[in-house]
């Protein structure tokens, strides 16, 4: 089984890793926050907190490569 990313060419040379079209540095903290709350069985609060973290990360990183 071959690695499918071998033949992919990024749109830009400095383009980082993407998860479903979203940069990895925005997805990782969101998943971490949701995971912590999910382990404690607070799914709704975790979803709200993870959404807030995602929006904050997106706002902070906006316009900065």
N, C-alpha and C. Protein backbone atom coordinates (compact mmCIF):
# COMPACT_ATOMS: atom_id res chain seq x y z
N UNK A 1 0.84 -1.17 0.00
CA UNK A 1 0.00 0.00 0.00
C UNK A 1 0.89 1.24 0.00
N UNK A 2 0.69 2.12 -0.97
CA UNK A 2 1.54 3.30 -1.10
C UNK A 2 0.93 4.48 -0.35
N UNK A 3 1.78 5.36 0.07
CA UNK A 3 1.35 6.58 0.73
C UNK A 3 0.79 7.52 -0.33
N UNK A 4 -0.46 7.94 -0.18
CA UNK A 4 -1.14 8.74 -1.19
C UNK A 4 -0.62 10.17 -1.24
N UNK A 5 0.04 10.67 -0.22
CA UNK A 5 0.52 12.05 -0.20
C UNK A 5 1.81 12.20 -0.99
N UNK A 6 2.38 11.11 -1.47
CA UNK A 6 3.65 11.17 -2.18
C UNK A 6 3.54 12.01 -3.45
N UNK A 7 2.45 11.86 -4.19
CA UNK A 7 2.32 12.54 -5.46
C UNK A 7 1.59 13.86 -5.40
N UNK A 8 1.17 14.30 -4.24
CA UNK A 8 0.42 15.55 -4.15
C UNK A 8 1.36 16.74 -4.17
N UNK A 9 0.95 17.76 -4.90
CA UNK A 9 1.73 18.99 -4.99
C UNK A 9 0.95 20.09 -4.28
N UNK A 10 1.55 20.77 -3.28
CA UNK A 10 0.82 21.84 -2.58
C UNK A 10 0.60 23.04 -3.49
N UNK A 11 -0.44 23.81 -3.20
CA UNK A 11 -0.73 25.01 -3.99
C UNK A 11 0.36 26.07 -3.79
N UNK A 12 0.88 26.13 -2.58
CA UNK A 12 1.94 27.09 -2.25
C UNK A 12 3.09 26.33 -1.61
N UNK A 13 4.30 26.84 -1.75
CA UNK A 13 5.45 26.16 -1.19
C UNK A 13 5.44 26.16 0.34
N UNK A 14 4.85 27.20 0.94
CA UNK A 14 4.85 27.29 2.39
C UNK A 14 3.54 26.78 3.01
N UNK A 15 2.73 26.08 2.23
CA UNK A 15 1.46 25.56 2.75
C UNK A 15 1.72 24.41 3.71
N UNK A 16 1.16 24.52 4.90
CA UNK A 16 1.34 23.49 5.91
C UNK A 16 0.36 22.35 5.73
N UNK A 17 0.35 21.45 6.72
CA UNK A 17 -0.57 20.31 6.69
C UNK A 17 -2.00 20.77 6.92
N UNK A 18 -2.91 20.19 6.16
CA UNK A 18 -4.33 20.54 6.27
C UNK A 18 -5.13 19.32 6.70
N UNK A 19 -6.12 19.54 7.55
CA UNK A 19 -7.08 18.51 7.94
C UNK A 19 -8.43 19.00 7.45
N UNK A 20 -8.98 18.36 6.42
CA UNK A 20 -10.25 18.75 5.83
C UNK A 20 -10.25 20.24 5.44
N UNK A 21 -9.15 20.73 4.93
CA UNK A 21 -9.05 22.10 4.47
C UNK A 21 -8.74 23.13 5.54
N UNK A 22 -8.55 22.69 6.77
CA UNK A 22 -8.25 23.60 7.88
C UNK A 22 -6.83 23.34 8.35
N UNK A 23 -6.04 24.39 8.59
CA UNK A 23 -4.66 24.18 9.04
C UNK A 23 -4.58 23.38 10.34
N UNK A 24 -3.58 22.52 10.43
CA UNK A 24 -3.39 21.63 11.58
C UNK A 24 -3.22 22.41 12.88
N UNK A 25 -2.60 23.58 12.84
CA UNK A 25 -2.36 24.36 14.06
C UNK A 25 -3.66 24.93 14.63
N UNK A 26 -4.73 24.95 13.86
CA UNK A 26 -6.03 25.37 14.37
C UNK A 26 -6.86 24.17 14.82
N UNK A 27 -6.63 23.02 14.22
CA UNK A 27 -7.40 21.82 14.54
C UNK A 27 -6.90 21.17 15.83
N UNK A 28 -5.60 21.12 16.04
CA UNK A 28 -5.03 20.41 17.19
C UNK A 28 -5.53 20.95 18.54
N UNK A 29 -5.47 22.27 18.80
CA UNK A 29 -5.98 22.75 20.10
C UNK A 29 -7.47 22.52 20.26
N UNK A 30 -8.21 22.61 19.17
CA UNK A 30 -9.66 22.39 19.23
C UNK A 30 -9.96 20.95 19.62
N UNK A 31 -9.27 20.00 19.00
CA UNK A 31 -9.48 18.60 19.34
C UNK A 31 -9.02 18.29 20.76
N UNK A 32 -7.96 18.92 21.21
CA UNK A 32 -7.47 18.69 22.57
C UNK A 32 -8.50 19.17 23.61
N UNK A 33 -9.04 20.36 23.40
CA UNK A 33 -10.04 20.89 24.34
C UNK A 33 -11.28 20.01 24.34
N UNK A 34 -11.76 19.64 23.16
CA UNK A 34 -12.94 18.79 23.09
C UNK A 34 -12.66 17.42 23.72
N UNK A 35 -11.48 16.88 23.49
CA UNK A 35 -11.13 15.58 24.04
C UNK A 35 -11.12 15.56 25.56
N UNK A 36 -10.60 16.63 26.17
CA UNK A 36 -10.55 16.71 27.63
C UNK A 36 -11.97 16.74 28.20
N UNK A 37 -12.83 17.55 27.62
CA UNK A 37 -14.21 17.61 28.11
C UNK A 37 -14.96 16.32 27.81
N UNK A 38 -14.70 15.68 26.68
CA UNK A 38 -15.39 14.45 26.32
C UNK A 38 -15.01 13.32 27.28
N UNK A 39 -13.76 13.28 27.73
CA UNK A 39 -13.35 12.25 28.67
C UNK A 39 -14.06 12.42 30.02
N UNK A 40 -14.45 13.63 30.33
CA UNK A 40 -15.16 13.89 31.58
C UNK A 40 -16.68 13.84 31.40
N UNK A 41 -17.13 13.44 30.21
CA UNK A 41 -18.55 13.29 29.86
C UNK A 41 -19.30 14.63 29.83
N UNK A 42 -18.62 15.69 29.46
CA UNK A 42 -19.24 17.00 29.26
C UNK A 42 -19.17 17.35 27.78
N UNK A 43 -19.91 16.61 26.97
CA UNK A 43 -19.81 16.75 25.52
C UNK A 43 -20.28 18.13 25.03
N UNK A 44 -21.40 18.61 25.52
CA UNK A 44 -21.94 19.88 25.05
C UNK A 44 -21.03 21.04 25.45
N UNK A 45 -20.58 21.04 26.69
CA UNK A 45 -19.66 22.09 27.15
C UNK A 45 -18.36 22.01 26.37
N UNK A 46 -17.90 20.79 26.10
CA UNK A 46 -16.68 20.59 25.31
C UNK A 46 -16.83 21.11 23.90
N UNK A 47 -17.99 20.88 23.31
CA UNK A 47 -18.24 21.39 21.96
C UNK A 47 -18.24 22.91 21.94
N UNK A 48 -18.87 23.52 22.94
CA UNK A 48 -18.90 24.98 23.02
C UNK A 48 -17.51 25.56 23.27
N UNK A 49 -16.76 24.94 24.19
CA UNK A 49 -15.41 25.42 24.49
C UNK A 49 -14.49 25.24 23.29
N UNK A 50 -14.60 24.09 22.61
CA UNK A 50 -13.77 23.84 21.43
C UNK A 50 -14.11 24.82 20.31
N UNK A 51 -15.39 25.15 20.16
CA UNK A 51 -15.79 26.13 19.16
C UNK A 51 -15.19 27.50 19.47
N UNK A 52 -15.21 27.87 20.75
CA UNK A 52 -14.63 29.16 21.15
C UNK A 52 -13.13 29.18 20.89
N UNK A 53 -12.45 28.08 21.18
CA UNK A 53 -11.01 28.01 20.92
C UNK A 53 -10.74 28.10 19.43
N UNK A 54 -11.53 27.41 18.62
CA UNK A 54 -11.33 27.44 17.17
C UNK A 54 -11.53 28.85 16.62
N UNK A 55 -12.60 29.51 17.06
CA UNK A 55 -12.86 30.88 16.58
C UNK A 55 -11.76 31.82 17.03
N UNK A 56 -11.30 31.67 18.27
CA UNK A 56 -10.21 32.52 18.77
C UNK A 56 -8.92 32.29 17.97
N UNK A 57 -8.58 31.03 17.72
CA UNK A 57 -7.37 30.73 16.94
C UNK A 57 -7.48 31.28 15.53
N UNK A 58 -8.66 31.15 14.94
CA UNK A 58 -8.88 31.64 13.57
C UNK A 58 -8.73 33.16 13.53
N UNK A 59 -9.27 33.85 14.55
CA UNK A 59 -9.19 35.30 14.61
C UNK A 59 -7.77 35.78 14.83
N UNK A 60 -7.06 35.11 15.74
CA UNK A 60 -5.68 35.51 16.04
C UNK A 60 -4.78 35.32 14.82
N UNK A 61 -4.96 34.20 14.12
CA UNK A 61 -4.09 33.88 12.99
C UNK A 61 -4.51 34.58 11.69
N UNK A 62 -5.63 35.24 11.67
CA UNK A 62 -6.13 35.87 10.45
C UNK A 62 -5.14 36.92 9.96
N UNK A 63 -4.74 36.78 8.73
CA UNK A 63 -3.82 37.73 8.13
C UNK A 63 -2.35 37.46 8.44
N UNK A 64 -2.06 36.46 9.25
CA UNK A 64 -0.68 36.11 9.59
C UNK A 64 -0.40 34.72 9.06
N UNK A 65 0.53 34.61 8.14
CA UNK A 65 0.83 33.34 7.48
C UNK A 65 1.37 32.30 8.32
